[in-house]
């Protein structure tokens, strides 16, 4: 994301930087000229996806890709630092996945200090829109996150998000086979005790030829 366009609609008195905006009040957000990856990297990625003959295509990058509406009820608020701040660029990437018929795309992300498991859709605002890819966002190693109660308030407006959990620090363990990709969300009971236990909070699988994560 070092080549991305400046974040849209920054806070008053600032040139850029992270912000959370009302989508209806931030016209620049949807501009097709804005890029998350930079146009050169966008072209490279689209070309690489077009040439991929792999059964599984894992895209590792830094931020959440799924839409995350942070306004309960009508309307939508978006965080401008992740892919929600670059919806046209996200749409171009999704169009490339569809156009090139990329096999089993799975996106890996981070940055928000919580476990997120989501269906990636061409139209997040339409619950009937089919999943075209799967996303697993790993929690932080030690940094804290928003309270789980705050996140729970947003979940009814984000039905494509199958799990959002900020309570634990940890990692995601992936296992890829011909038949499926499995993700185990590994959660530490504590990050202040060297002898703390680590356990699997939840497990999901993506089946070959069937987009979208499902509980294992």
N, C-alpha and C. Protein backbone atom coordinates (compact mmCIF):
# COMPACT_ATOMS: atom_id res chain seq x y z
N UNK A 1 0.81 -1.21 0.00
CA UNK A 1 0.00 0.00 0.00
C UNK A 1 0.85 1.27 0.00
N UNK A 2 2.16 1.15 -0.09
CA UNK A 2 3.01 2.33 -0.09
C UNK A 2 2.83 3.17 -1.36
N UNK A 3 2.24 2.59 -2.41
CA UNK A 3 2.04 3.31 -3.66
C UNK A 3 0.62 3.83 -3.81
N UNK A 4 -0.18 3.75 -2.80
CA UNK A 4 -1.59 4.09 -2.90
C UNK A 4 -1.81 5.60 -3.00
N UNK A 5 -3.03 5.94 -3.43
CA UNK A 5 -3.46 7.34 -3.43
C UNK A 5 -3.66 7.80 -1.99
N UNK A 6 -3.59 9.13 -1.78
CA UNK A 6 -3.88 9.67 -0.46
C UNK A 6 -5.27 9.24 0.00
N UNK A 7 -5.43 9.05 1.31
CA UNK A 7 -6.74 8.69 1.84
C UNK A 7 -7.75 9.80 1.53
N UNK A 8 -8.97 9.39 1.20
CA UNK A 8 -10.03 10.34 0.85
C UNK A 8 -10.58 11.03 2.09
N UNK A 9 -11.01 12.28 1.91
CA UNK A 9 -11.72 13.03 2.96
C UNK A 9 -11.01 12.97 4.31
N UNK A 10 -9.78 13.46 4.39
CA UNK A 10 -9.06 13.43 5.67
C UNK A 10 -9.71 14.34 6.70
N UNK A 11 -9.29 14.20 7.93
CA UNK A 11 -9.80 15.07 8.99
C UNK A 11 -9.42 16.53 8.70
N UNK A 12 -10.20 17.42 9.21
CA UNK A 12 -9.95 18.85 9.03
C UNK A 12 -8.55 19.23 9.49
N UNK A 13 -7.83 19.95 8.63
CA UNK A 13 -6.50 20.39 8.97
C UNK A 13 -5.41 19.39 8.66
N UNK A 14 -5.77 18.23 8.07
CA UNK A 14 -4.78 17.22 7.74
C UNK A 14 -4.83 16.92 6.25
N UNK A 15 -3.67 16.65 5.66
CA UNK A 15 -3.60 16.34 4.23
C UNK A 15 -4.06 14.92 3.94
N UNK A 16 -3.78 14.05 4.84
CA UNK A 16 -4.14 12.63 4.65
C UNK A 16 -4.26 11.94 5.98
N UNK A 17 -4.10 10.63 5.97
CA UNK A 17 -4.18 9.86 7.20
C UNK A 17 -5.52 9.18 7.36
N UNK A 18 -5.55 8.21 8.24
CA UNK A 18 -6.74 7.40 8.46
C UNK A 18 -7.91 8.23 8.95
N UNK A 19 -9.09 7.89 8.49
CA UNK A 19 -10.31 8.55 8.92
C UNK A 19 -11.47 7.58 8.74
N UNK A 20 -12.57 7.86 9.39
CA UNK A 20 -13.81 7.11 9.18
C UNK A 20 -14.85 8.10 8.71
N UNK A 21 -15.45 7.85 7.54
CA UNK A 21 -16.29 8.85 6.89
C UNK A 21 -17.66 8.29 6.57
N UNK A 22 -18.63 9.19 6.52
CA UNK A 22 -19.94 8.85 5.98
C UNK A 22 -19.80 8.76 4.47
N UNK A 23 -20.08 7.61 3.91
CA UNK A 23 -19.84 7.37 2.48
C UNK A 23 -20.62 8.37 1.62
N UNK A 24 -21.83 8.69 2.01
CA UNK A 24 -22.66 9.61 1.22
C UNK A 24 -22.10 11.03 1.22
N UNK A 25 -21.25 11.35 2.18
CA UNK A 25 -20.70 12.70 2.30
C UNK A 25 -19.26 12.81 1.82
N UNK A 26 -18.71 11.74 1.27
CA UNK A 26 -17.32 11.73 0.81
C UNK A 26 -17.29 11.31 -0.66
N UNK A 27 -17.52 12.28 -1.54
CA UNK A 27 -17.60 11.99 -2.98
C UNK A 27 -16.30 11.42 -3.53
N UNK A 28 -15.17 11.88 -3.00
CA UNK A 28 -13.88 11.43 -3.51
C UNK A 28 -13.64 9.94 -3.28
N UNK A 29 -14.31 9.35 -2.30
CA UNK A 29 -14.08 7.96 -1.95
C UNK A 29 -14.23 7.03 -3.14
N UNK A 30 -15.24 7.27 -3.97
CA UNK A 30 -15.56 6.35 -5.07
C UNK A 30 -14.85 6.69 -6.37
N UNK A 31 -13.96 7.65 -6.37
CA UNK A 31 -13.30 8.06 -7.60
C UNK A 31 -12.55 6.89 -8.24
N UNK A 32 -12.78 6.64 -9.54
CA UNK A 32 -12.06 5.54 -10.21
C UNK A 32 -10.58 5.81 -10.39
N UNK A 33 -10.15 7.05 -10.17
CA UNK A 33 -8.74 7.39 -10.32
C UNK A 33 -7.90 7.01 -9.11
N UNK A 34 -8.56 6.61 -8.03
CA UNK A 34 -7.82 6.30 -6.80
C UNK A 34 -7.43 4.83 -6.78
N UNK A 35 -6.25 4.56 -6.25
CA UNK A 35 -5.71 3.21 -6.26
C UNK A 35 -5.15 2.85 -4.89
N UNK A 36 -5.38 1.62 -4.48
CA UNK A 36 -4.80 1.11 -3.25
C UNK A 36 -3.38 0.60 -3.49
N UNK A 37 -3.14 0.02 -4.64
CA UNK A 37 -1.86 -0.61 -4.93
C UNK A 37 -0.93 0.26 -5.78
N UNK A 38 -1.47 1.33 -6.37
CA UNK A 38 -0.75 2.04 -7.42
C UNK A 38 -1.02 1.35 -8.73
N UNK A 39 -1.17 2.11 -9.80
CA UNK A 39 -1.61 1.52 -11.07
C UNK A 39 -0.62 0.49 -11.62
N UNK A 40 0.68 0.73 -11.45
CA UNK A 40 1.66 -0.24 -11.96
C UNK A 40 1.50 -1.58 -11.27
N UNK A 41 1.33 -1.56 -9.94
CA UNK A 41 1.17 -2.81 -9.20
C UNK A 41 -0.18 -3.46 -9.50
N UNK A 42 -1.20 -2.65 -9.71
CA UNK A 42 -2.50 -3.19 -10.13
C UNK A 42 -2.35 -3.98 -11.44
N UNK A 43 -1.68 -3.38 -12.42
CA UNK A 43 -1.51 -4.05 -13.71
C UNK A 43 -0.71 -5.34 -13.55
N UNK A 44 0.35 -5.28 -12.73
CA UNK A 44 1.15 -6.48 -12.50
C UNK A 44 0.30 -7.59 -11.88
N UNK A 45 -0.50 -7.25 -10.87
CA UNK A 45 -1.30 -8.26 -10.19
C UNK A 45 -2.34 -8.86 -11.13
N UNK A 46 -3.01 -8.00 -11.90
CA UNK A 46 -4.01 -8.51 -12.84
C UNK A 46 -3.36 -9.45 -13.85
N UNK A 47 -2.17 -9.08 -14.34
CA UNK A 47 -1.49 -9.94 -15.29
C UNK A 47 -1.06 -11.26 -14.68
N UNK A 48 -0.59 -11.21 -13.43
CA UNK A 48 -0.17 -12.44 -12.75
C UNK A 48 -1.37 -13.36 -12.51
N UNK A 49 -2.49 -12.79 -12.13
CA UNK A 49 -3.69 -13.60 -11.92
C UNK A 49 -4.16 -14.24 -13.23
N UNK A 50 -4.06 -13.47 -14.32
CA UNK A 50 -4.49 -13.99 -15.62
C UNK A 50 -3.65 -15.19 -16.06
N UNK A 51 -2.39 -15.22 -15.66
CA UNK A 51 -1.49 -16.28 -16.08
C UNK A 51 -1.43 -17.44 -15.09
N UNK A 52 -2.07 -17.29 -13.93
CA UNK A 52 -1.96 -18.32 -12.90
C UNK A 52 -2.70 -19.59 -13.30
N UNK A 53 -1.99 -20.70 -13.21
CA UNK A 53 -2.62 -21.99 -13.43
C UNK A 53 -2.76 -22.78 -12.15
N UNK A 54 -2.54 -22.11 -11.01
CA UNK A 54 -2.58 -22.79 -9.72
C UNK A 54 -4.01 -23.12 -9.32
N UNK A 55 -4.16 -24.20 -8.57
CA UNK A 55 -5.48 -24.55 -8.05
C UNK A 55 -5.91 -23.58 -6.97
N UNK A 56 -4.96 -23.10 -6.17
CA UNK A 56 -5.24 -22.14 -5.10
C UNK A 56 -4.42 -20.88 -5.34
N UNK A 57 -5.06 -19.73 -5.19
CA UNK A 57 -4.40 -18.45 -5.38
C UNK A 57 -4.56 -17.62 -4.11
N UNK A 58 -3.50 -17.56 -3.30
CA UNK A 58 -3.52 -16.84 -2.03
C UNK A 58 -2.89 -15.46 -2.22
N UNK A 59 -3.64 -14.44 -1.85
CA UNK A 59 -3.18 -13.06 -1.98
C UNK A 59 -2.92 -12.50 -0.59
N UNK A 60 -1.65 -12.38 -0.22
CA UNK A 60 -1.27 -11.88 1.10
C UNK A 60 -1.01 -10.38 1.01
N UNK A 61 -1.70 -9.61 1.83
CA UNK A 61 -1.53 -8.17 1.83
C UNK A 61 -1.86 -7.64 3.23
N UNK A 62 -1.93 -6.31 3.41
CA UNK A 62 -1.81 -5.78 4.76
C UNK A 62 -3.12 -5.48 5.47
N UNK A 63 -4.17 -5.14 4.76
CA UNK A 63 -5.36 -4.61 5.41
C UNK A 63 -6.60 -5.44 5.07
N UNK A 64 -7.70 -5.26 5.80
CA UNK A 64 -8.93 -5.98 5.45
C UNK A 64 -9.44 -5.56 4.07
N UNK A 65 -9.92 -6.53 3.30
CA UNK A 65 -10.44 -6.25 1.98
C UNK A 65 -11.97 -6.20 1.96
N UNK A 66 -12.62 -6.94 2.83
CA UNK A 66 -14.09 -6.95 2.87
C UNK A 66 -14.63 -5.60 3.31
N UNK A 67 -15.78 -5.24 2.76
CA UNK A 67 -16.47 -4.03 3.24
C UNK A 67 -16.84 -4.21 4.70
N UNK A 68 -16.69 -3.12 5.48
CA UNK A 68 -17.05 -3.15 6.89
C UNK A 68 -17.81 -1.87 7.20
N UNK A 69 -19.12 -1.98 7.21
CA UNK A 69 -19.99 -0.84 7.49
C UNK A 69 -19.96 -0.54 8.99
N UNK A 70 -19.51 0.66 9.35
CA UNK A 70 -19.39 1.04 10.75
C UNK A 70 -20.51 2.00 11.17
N UNK A 71 -21.66 1.91 10.51
CA UNK A 71 -22.82 2.72 10.87
C UNK A 71 -24.04 1.81 11.00
N UNK A 72 -24.42 1.43 12.22
CA UNK A 72 -25.61 0.59 12.37
C UNK A 72 -26.84 1.25 11.77
N UNK A 73 -27.63 0.47 11.03
CA UNK A 73 -28.84 1.01 10.42
C UNK A 73 -28.58 1.58 9.05
N UNK A 74 -29.47 2.47 8.56
CA UNK A 74 -29.34 3.03 7.22
C UNK A 74 -28.05 3.82 7.04
N UNK A 75 -27.58 3.88 5.78
CA UNK A 75 -26.33 4.57 5.50
C UNK A 75 -25.13 3.68 5.74
N UNK A 76 -23.95 4.24 5.51
CA UNK A 76 -22.72 3.46 5.71
C UNK A 76 -21.57 4.38 6.05
N UNK A 77 -20.75 3.95 7.00
CA UNK A 77 -19.50 4.63 7.32
C UNK A 77 -18.35 3.69 6.97
N UNK A 78 -17.28 4.26 6.44
CA UNK A 78 -16.16 3.46 5.96
C UNK A 78 -14.85 3.99 6.52
N UNK A 79 -13.94 3.08 6.81
CA UNK A 79 -12.59 3.41 7.25
C UNK A 79 -11.73 3.61 6.01
N UNK A 80 -11.08 4.75 5.89
CA UNK A 80 -10.41 5.12 4.65
C UNK A 80 -9.01 4.54 4.50
N UNK A 81 -8.48 3.87 5.51
CA UNK A 81 -7.11 3.38 5.45
C UNK A 81 -7.00 2.00 4.81
N UNK A 82 -8.11 1.23 4.83
CA UNK A 82 -8.11 -0.09 4.22
C UNK A 82 -8.77 -0.05 2.85
N UNK A 83 -9.15 -1.22 2.35
CA UNK A 83 -9.76 -1.30 1.02
C UNK A 83 -11.11 -0.60 0.96
N UNK A 84 -11.79 -0.41 2.09
CA UNK A 84 -13.02 0.37 2.08
C UNK A 84 -12.78 1.80 1.62
N UNK A 85 -11.56 2.28 1.77
CA UNK A 85 -11.22 3.61 1.31
C UNK A 85 -10.88 3.68 -0.16
N UNK A 86 -10.88 2.54 -0.84
CA UNK A 86 -10.52 2.45 -2.25
C UNK A 86 -11.48 1.50 -2.98
N UNK A 87 -12.79 1.78 -2.93
CA UNK A 87 -13.76 0.82 -3.45
C UNK A 87 -13.64 0.58 -4.96
N UNK A 88 -13.25 1.59 -5.73
CA UNK A 88 -13.10 1.38 -7.18
C UNK A 88 -11.93 0.44 -7.47
N UNK A 89 -10.84 0.60 -6.71
CA UNK A 89 -9.69 -0.29 -6.88
C UNK A 89 -10.05 -1.71 -6.47
N UNK A 90 -10.82 -1.85 -5.42
CA UNK A 90 -11.27 -3.17 -4.98
C UNK A 90 -12.15 -3.81 -6.05
N UNK A 91 -13.04 -3.02 -6.65
CA UNK A 91 -13.90 -3.53 -7.71
C UNK A 91 -13.08 -3.99 -8.92
N UNK A 92 -12.03 -3.24 -9.25
CA UNK A 92 -11.18 -3.65 -10.37
C UNK A 92 -10.49 -4.99 -10.07
N UNK A 93 -10.05 -5.17 -8.84
CA UNK A 93 -9.43 -6.44 -8.48
C UNK A 93 -10.44 -7.58 -8.56
N UNK A 94 -11.63 -7.36 -8.04
CA UNK A 94 -12.65 -8.40 -8.10
C UNK A 94 -13.04 -8.72 -9.55
N UNK A 95 -13.11 -7.68 -10.38
CA UNK A 95 -13.41 -7.90 -11.80
C UNK A 95 -12.32 -8.74 -12.45
N UNK A 96 -11.07 -8.52 -12.05
CA UNK A 96 -9.97 -9.32 -12.60
C UNK A 96 -10.10 -10.78 -12.18
N UNK A 97 -10.49 -11.02 -10.93
CA UNK A 97 -10.69 -12.40 -10.48
C UNK A 97 -11.76 -13.10 -11.32
N UNK A 98 -12.83 -12.38 -11.61
CA UNK A 98 -13.92 -12.96 -12.39
C UNK A 98 -13.55 -13.10 -13.86
N UNK A 99 -12.96 -12.05 -14.42
CA UNK A 99 -12.63 -12.07 -15.84
C UNK A 99 -11.64 -13.18 -16.17
N UNK A 100 -10.64 -13.36 -15.31
CA UNK A 100 -9.61 -14.36 -15.58
C UNK A 100 -9.97 -15.73 -15.00
N UNK A 101 -11.13 -15.82 -14.40
CA UNK A 101 -11.58 -17.09 -13.81
C UNK A 101 -10.51 -17.69 -12.91
N UNK A 102 -10.04 -16.86 -12.00
CA UNK A 102 -8.96 -17.27 -11.10
C UNK A 102 -9.49 -18.35 -10.15
N UNK A 103 -8.76 -19.45 -10.06
CA UNK A 103 -9.20 -20.58 -9.25
C UNK A 103 -8.99 -20.30 -7.76
N UNK A 104 -10.04 -20.49 -6.99
CA UNK A 104 -9.97 -20.50 -5.53
C UNK A 104 -9.15 -19.34 -4.94
N UNK A 105 -9.57 -18.09 -5.17
CA UNK A 105 -8.84 -16.97 -4.56
C UNK A 105 -9.12 -16.88 -3.06
N UNK A 106 -8.06 -16.73 -2.29
CA UNK A 106 -8.15 -16.58 -0.84
C UNK A 106 -7.27 -15.39 -0.45
N UNK A 107 -7.86 -14.40 0.23
CA UNK A 107 -7.15 -13.19 0.61
C UNK A 107 -6.76 -13.29 2.09
N UNK A 108 -5.53 -12.92 2.39
CA UNK A 108 -5.03 -12.86 3.77
C UNK A 108 -4.74 -11.41 4.12
N UNK A 109 -5.20 -10.97 5.29
CA UNK A 109 -5.02 -9.58 5.69
C UNK A 109 -4.71 -9.45 7.17
N UNK A 110 -4.60 -8.20 7.61
CA UNK A 110 -4.31 -7.93 9.01
C UNK A 110 -4.64 -6.49 9.36
N UNK A 111 -3.87 -5.90 10.26
CA UNK A 111 -3.89 -4.47 10.56
C UNK A 111 -4.92 -4.04 11.60
N UNK A 112 -6.01 -4.77 11.78
CA UNK A 112 -7.10 -4.27 12.64
C UNK A 112 -7.15 -4.96 14.01
N UNK A 113 -6.15 -5.80 14.32
CA UNK A 113 -6.00 -6.38 15.66
C UNK A 113 -7.19 -7.26 16.04
N UNK A 114 -7.82 -7.89 15.05
CA UNK A 114 -8.92 -8.82 15.34
C UNK A 114 -8.95 -9.90 14.28
N UNK A 115 -9.54 -11.03 14.63
CA UNK A 115 -9.81 -12.08 13.65
C UNK A 115 -11.05 -11.68 12.85
N UNK A 116 -10.95 -11.68 11.52
CA UNK A 116 -12.10 -11.48 10.65
C UNK A 116 -12.13 -12.60 9.62
N UNK A 117 -13.28 -13.18 9.41
CA UNK A 117 -13.46 -14.18 8.36
C UNK A 117 -14.65 -13.74 7.52
N UNK A 118 -14.44 -13.56 6.22
CA UNK A 118 -15.47 -12.93 5.39
C UNK A 118 -15.60 -13.58 4.02
N UNK A 119 -16.80 -13.46 3.47
CA UNK A 119 -17.02 -13.70 2.06
C UNK A 119 -16.72 -12.40 1.31
N UNK A 120 -15.96 -12.48 0.24
CA UNK A 120 -15.71 -11.32 -0.61
C UNK A 120 -16.70 -11.35 -1.77
N UNK A 121 -17.41 -10.23 -1.95
CA UNK A 121 -18.48 -10.16 -2.95
C UNK A 121 -18.28 -8.97 -3.86
N UNK A 122 -18.76 -9.10 -5.09
CA UNK A 122 -18.72 -7.97 -6.01
C UNK A 122 -19.64 -6.86 -5.55
N UNK A 123 -20.73 -7.22 -4.87
CA UNK A 123 -21.67 -6.22 -4.34
C UNK A 123 -21.98 -6.56 -2.89
N UNK A 124 -21.26 -5.92 -1.98
CA UNK A 124 -21.44 -6.20 -0.56
C UNK A 124 -22.80 -5.73 -0.05
N UNK A 125 -23.40 -4.76 -0.72
CA UNK A 125 -24.68 -4.21 -0.25
C UNK A 125 -25.86 -5.09 -0.62
N UNK A 126 -25.63 -6.13 -1.43
CA UNK A 126 -26.69 -7.05 -1.82
C UNK A 126 -26.43 -8.40 -1.15
N UNK A 127 -27.19 -8.76 -0.11
CA UNK A 127 -26.95 -10.02 0.59
C UNK A 127 -27.02 -11.25 -0.32
N UNK A 128 -27.74 -11.14 -1.44
CA UNK A 128 -27.85 -12.28 -2.35
C UNK A 128 -26.70 -12.37 -3.34
N UNK A 129 -25.82 -11.37 -3.35
CA UNK A 129 -24.67 -11.39 -4.25
C UNK A 129 -23.76 -12.57 -3.89
N UNK A 130 -23.34 -13.36 -4.86
CA UNK A 130 -22.55 -14.56 -4.53
C UNK A 130 -21.14 -14.21 -4.09
N UNK A 131 -20.58 -15.06 -3.28
CA UNK A 131 -19.17 -14.91 -2.89
C UNK A 131 -18.28 -15.24 -4.08
N UNK A 132 -17.23 -14.44 -4.27
CA UNK A 132 -16.28 -14.73 -5.34
C UNK A 132 -14.91 -15.11 -4.78
N UNK A 133 -14.70 -14.88 -3.48
CA UNK A 133 -13.43 -15.21 -2.84
C UNK A 133 -13.65 -15.27 -1.34
N UNK A 134 -12.62 -15.70 -0.63
CA UNK A 134 -12.67 -15.81 0.83
C UNK A 134 -11.57 -14.93 1.43
N UNK A 135 -11.83 -14.44 2.65
CA UNK A 135 -10.82 -13.62 3.32
C UNK A 135 -10.65 -14.05 4.76
N UNK A 136 -9.37 -14.13 5.18
CA UNK A 136 -9.02 -14.40 6.57
C UNK A 136 -8.10 -13.28 7.04
N UNK A 137 -8.54 -12.53 8.05
CA UNK A 137 -7.76 -11.46 8.64
C UNK A 137 -7.24 -11.94 9.99
N UNK A 138 -5.93 -11.85 10.16
CA UNK A 138 -5.33 -12.31 11.41
C UNK A 138 -5.36 -11.22 12.47
N UNK A 139 -5.50 -11.62 13.70
CA UNK A 139 -5.43 -10.69 14.81
C UNK A 139 -3.98 -10.26 15.04
N UNK A 140 -3.77 -9.41 16.03
CA UNK A 140 -2.43 -8.90 16.36
C UNK A 140 -1.67 -9.89 17.24
N UNK A 141 -0.37 -9.66 17.34
CA UNK A 141 0.46 -10.49 18.22
C UNK A 141 0.29 -10.06 19.67
N UNK A 142 0.35 -8.74 19.94
CA UNK A 142 0.17 -8.24 21.31
C UNK A 142 -0.73 -7.01 21.39
N UNK A 143 -0.87 -6.24 20.33
CA UNK A 143 -1.64 -4.99 20.39
C UNK A 143 -3.11 -5.24 20.63
N UNK A 144 -3.72 -4.36 21.40
CA UNK A 144 -5.13 -4.49 21.73
C UNK A 144 -6.00 -3.94 20.60
N UNK A 145 -7.30 -4.23 20.67
CA UNK A 145 -8.23 -3.87 19.61
C UNK A 145 -9.47 -3.21 20.21
N UNK A 146 -10.41 -2.86 19.34
CA UNK A 146 -11.70 -2.38 19.81
C UNK A 146 -12.36 -3.44 20.68
N UNK A 147 -13.19 -3.00 21.59
CA UNK A 147 -13.94 -3.93 22.43
C UNK A 147 -14.88 -4.77 21.57
N UNK A 148 -15.05 -6.02 21.95
CA UNK A 148 -15.91 -6.91 21.18
C UNK A 148 -17.34 -6.38 21.11
N UNK A 149 -17.80 -5.75 22.18
CA UNK A 149 -19.17 -5.21 22.20
C UNK A 149 -19.35 -4.14 21.13
N UNK A 150 -18.33 -3.35 20.87
CA UNK A 150 -18.40 -2.33 19.83
C UNK A 150 -18.52 -2.98 18.45
N UNK A 151 -17.74 -4.02 18.21
CA UNK A 151 -17.80 -4.72 16.93
C UNK A 151 -19.14 -5.43 16.73
N UNK A 152 -19.67 -5.99 17.81
CA UNK A 152 -20.94 -6.72 17.71
C UNK A 152 -22.07 -5.82 17.19
N UNK A 153 -22.00 -4.54 17.51
CA UNK A 153 -23.05 -3.61 17.08
C UNK A 153 -23.07 -3.44 15.56
N UNK A 154 -21.95 -3.73 14.90
CA UNK A 154 -21.87 -3.55 13.46
C UNK A 154 -22.23 -4.82 12.67
N UNK A 155 -22.26 -5.97 13.32
CA UNK A 155 -22.39 -7.23 12.61
C UNK A 155 -23.70 -7.37 11.82
N UNK A 156 -24.85 -6.90 12.32
CA UNK A 156 -26.08 -7.04 11.53
C UNK A 156 -26.00 -6.35 10.16
N UNK A 157 -25.17 -5.32 10.03
CA UNK A 157 -25.03 -4.61 8.76
C UNK A 157 -23.94 -5.18 7.88
N UNK A 158 -23.32 -6.26 8.33
CA UNK A 158 -22.23 -6.88 7.57
C UNK A 158 -22.40 -8.40 7.53
N UNK A 159 -23.47 -8.88 6.91
CA UNK A 159 -23.76 -10.31 6.94
C UNK A 159 -22.73 -11.17 6.21
N UNK A 160 -21.90 -10.56 5.37
CA UNK A 160 -20.85 -11.31 4.67
C UNK A 160 -19.68 -11.64 5.59
N UNK A 161 -19.64 -11.02 6.78
CA UNK A 161 -18.58 -11.30 7.73
C UNK A 161 -19.04 -12.44 8.64
N UNK A 162 -18.38 -13.56 8.53
CA UNK A 162 -18.79 -14.77 9.23
C UNK A 162 -18.23 -14.86 10.64
N UNK A 163 -17.17 -14.12 10.92
CA UNK A 163 -16.62 -14.06 12.28
C UNK A 163 -15.84 -12.76 12.41
N UNK A 164 -16.06 -12.07 13.53
CA UNK A 164 -15.27 -10.89 13.90
C UNK A 164 -15.02 -11.02 15.40
N UNK A 165 -13.75 -11.18 15.79
CA UNK A 165 -13.43 -11.41 17.20
C UNK A 165 -12.16 -10.66 17.57
N UNK A 166 -12.31 -9.69 18.47
CA UNK A 166 -11.17 -8.86 18.88
C UNK A 166 -10.63 -9.24 20.25
N UNK A 167 -11.13 -10.29 20.84
CA UNK A 167 -10.80 -10.60 22.23
C UNK A 167 -9.42 -11.20 22.42
N UNK A 168 -8.85 -11.76 21.36
CA UNK A 168 -7.63 -12.55 21.52
C UNK A 168 -6.51 -12.07 20.62
N UNK A 169 -5.29 -12.30 21.09
CA UNK A 169 -4.09 -12.14 20.28
C UNK A 169 -3.70 -13.52 19.77
N UNK A 170 -3.01 -13.57 18.66
CA UNK A 170 -2.64 -14.88 18.15
C UNK A 170 -2.22 -14.87 16.69
N UNK A 171 -2.59 -15.92 15.98
CA UNK A 171 -2.16 -16.08 14.59
C UNK A 171 -3.16 -16.98 13.87
N UNK A 172 -3.01 -17.09 12.55
CA UNK A 172 -3.83 -17.99 11.74
C UNK A 172 -2.93 -19.06 11.15
N UNK A 173 -3.32 -20.30 11.31
CA UNK A 173 -2.58 -21.43 10.76
C UNK A 173 -3.33 -21.95 9.53
N UNK A 174 -2.64 -21.96 8.39
CA UNK A 174 -3.26 -22.37 7.14
C UNK A 174 -2.73 -23.73 6.70
N UNK A 175 -3.62 -24.55 6.18
CA UNK A 175 -3.24 -25.84 5.60
C UNK A 175 -3.94 -25.95 4.24
N UNK A 176 -3.14 -26.11 3.19
CA UNK A 176 -3.68 -26.15 1.83
C UNK A 176 -3.49 -27.55 1.25
N UNK A 177 -4.57 -28.12 0.76
CA UNK A 177 -4.52 -29.41 0.09
C UNK A 177 -5.25 -29.29 -1.23
N UNK A 178 -5.24 -30.34 -2.01
CA UNK A 178 -5.95 -30.30 -3.30
C UNK A 178 -7.44 -30.09 -3.09
N UNK A 179 -7.98 -30.61 -2.02
CA UNK A 179 -9.43 -30.60 -1.80
C UNK A 179 -9.93 -29.34 -1.12
N UNK A 180 -9.10 -28.75 -0.21
CA UNK A 180 -9.58 -27.60 0.55
C UNK A 180 -8.42 -26.82 1.14
N UNK A 181 -8.72 -25.59 1.52
CA UNK A 181 -7.82 -24.78 2.35
C UNK A 181 -8.47 -24.61 3.71
N UNK A 182 -7.73 -24.90 4.75
CA UNK A 182 -8.25 -24.83 6.12
C UNK A 182 -7.51 -23.72 6.86
N UNK A 183 -8.27 -22.94 7.63
CA UNK A 183 -7.70 -21.88 8.45
C UNK A 183 -8.10 -22.12 9.90
N UNK A 184 -7.11 -22.27 10.77
CA UNK A 184 -7.35 -22.39 12.21
C UNK A 184 -6.97 -21.05 12.86
N UNK A 185 -7.92 -20.45 13.56
CA UNK A 185 -7.66 -19.19 14.25
C UNK A 185 -7.11 -19.53 15.63
N UNK A 186 -5.82 -19.29 15.81
CA UNK A 186 -5.15 -19.69 17.03
C UNK A 186 -5.10 -18.52 18.01
N UNK A 187 -5.65 -18.72 19.19
CA UNK A 187 -5.84 -17.64 20.17
C UNK A 187 -5.05 -17.93 21.45
N UNK A 188 -4.33 -16.92 21.91
CA UNK A 188 -3.60 -17.03 23.17
C UNK A 188 -4.52 -16.65 24.33
N UNK A 189 -4.45 -17.41 25.41
CA UNK A 189 -5.21 -17.06 26.61
C UNK A 189 -4.66 -15.79 27.25
N UNK A 190 -3.38 -15.55 27.07
CA UNK A 190 -2.74 -14.35 27.63
C UNK A 190 -1.46 -14.08 26.85
N UNK A 191 -1.10 -12.80 26.73
CA UNK A 191 0.20 -12.47 26.13
C UNK A 191 1.15 -11.87 27.17
N UNK A 192 0.79 -11.98 28.42
CA UNK A 192 1.64 -11.49 29.50
C UNK A 192 2.27 -12.62 30.31
N UNK A 193 1.84 -13.87 30.06
CA UNK A 193 2.39 -15.02 30.78
C UNK A 193 3.10 -15.94 29.80
N UNK A 194 4.36 -16.27 30.02
CA UNK A 194 5.08 -17.15 29.11
C UNK A 194 4.46 -18.54 29.01
N UNK A 195 3.76 -18.99 30.05
CA UNK A 195 3.19 -20.34 30.04
C UNK A 195 1.73 -20.37 29.61
N UNK A 196 1.24 -19.28 29.04
CA UNK A 196 -0.17 -19.22 28.65
C UNK A 196 -0.48 -20.22 27.56
N UNK A 197 -1.68 -20.75 27.62
CA UNK A 197 -2.12 -21.74 26.64
C UNK A 197 -2.52 -21.06 25.33
N UNK A 198 -2.37 -21.82 24.25
CA UNK A 198 -2.82 -21.38 22.93
C UNK A 198 -3.81 -22.42 22.41
N UNK A 199 -4.96 -21.96 21.92
CA UNK A 199 -6.00 -22.89 21.48
C UNK A 199 -6.61 -22.41 20.17
N UNK A 200 -7.35 -23.29 19.55
CA UNK A 200 -8.03 -22.94 18.31
C UNK A 200 -9.38 -22.34 18.63
N UNK A 201 -9.54 -21.07 18.32
CA UNK A 201 -10.79 -20.37 18.58
C UNK A 201 -11.88 -20.84 17.63
N UNK A 202 -11.56 -21.01 16.37
CA UNK A 202 -12.50 -21.49 15.36
C UNK A 202 -11.71 -21.97 14.15
N UNK A 203 -12.32 -22.83 13.38
CA UNK A 203 -11.70 -23.34 12.15
C UNK A 203 -12.67 -23.17 11.00
N UNK A 204 -12.14 -22.79 9.85
CA UNK A 204 -12.93 -22.62 8.63
C UNK A 204 -12.25 -23.35 7.48
N UNK A 205 -13.05 -23.76 6.52
CA UNK A 205 -12.50 -24.36 5.30
C UNK A 205 -13.07 -23.65 4.09
N UNK A 206 -12.26 -23.60 3.05
CA UNK A 206 -12.71 -23.19 1.72
C UNK A 206 -12.54 -24.42 0.83
N UNK A 207 -13.63 -24.89 0.27
CA UNK A 207 -13.58 -26.09 -0.56
C UNK A 207 -13.19 -25.74 -1.98
N UNK A 208 -12.46 -26.64 -2.60
CA UNK A 208 -12.03 -26.46 -3.99
C UNK A 208 -13.25 -26.22 -4.89
N UNK A 209 -13.26 -25.09 -5.61
CA UNK A 209 -14.34 -24.78 -6.53
C UNK A 209 -15.58 -24.22 -5.89
N UNK A 210 -15.53 -23.91 -4.59
CA UNK A 210 -16.71 -23.39 -3.89
C UNK A 210 -16.29 -22.17 -3.08
N UNK A 211 -16.43 -20.95 -3.64
CA UNK A 211 -15.96 -19.74 -2.95
C UNK A 211 -16.68 -19.51 -1.63
N UNK A 212 -15.96 -18.92 -0.69
CA UNK A 212 -16.54 -18.56 0.60
C UNK A 212 -16.11 -19.50 1.70
N UNK A 213 -15.78 -18.95 2.90
CA UNK A 213 -15.37 -19.78 4.04
C UNK A 213 -16.57 -20.41 4.72
N UNK A 214 -16.37 -21.63 5.21
CA UNK A 214 -17.40 -22.34 5.95
C UNK A 214 -16.81 -22.92 7.22
N UNK A 215 -17.61 -22.94 8.30
CA UNK A 215 -17.13 -23.51 9.55
C UNK A 215 -16.71 -24.96 9.34
N UNK A 216 -15.55 -25.30 9.88
CA UNK A 216 -15.05 -26.68 9.77
C UNK A 216 -15.78 -27.57 10.76
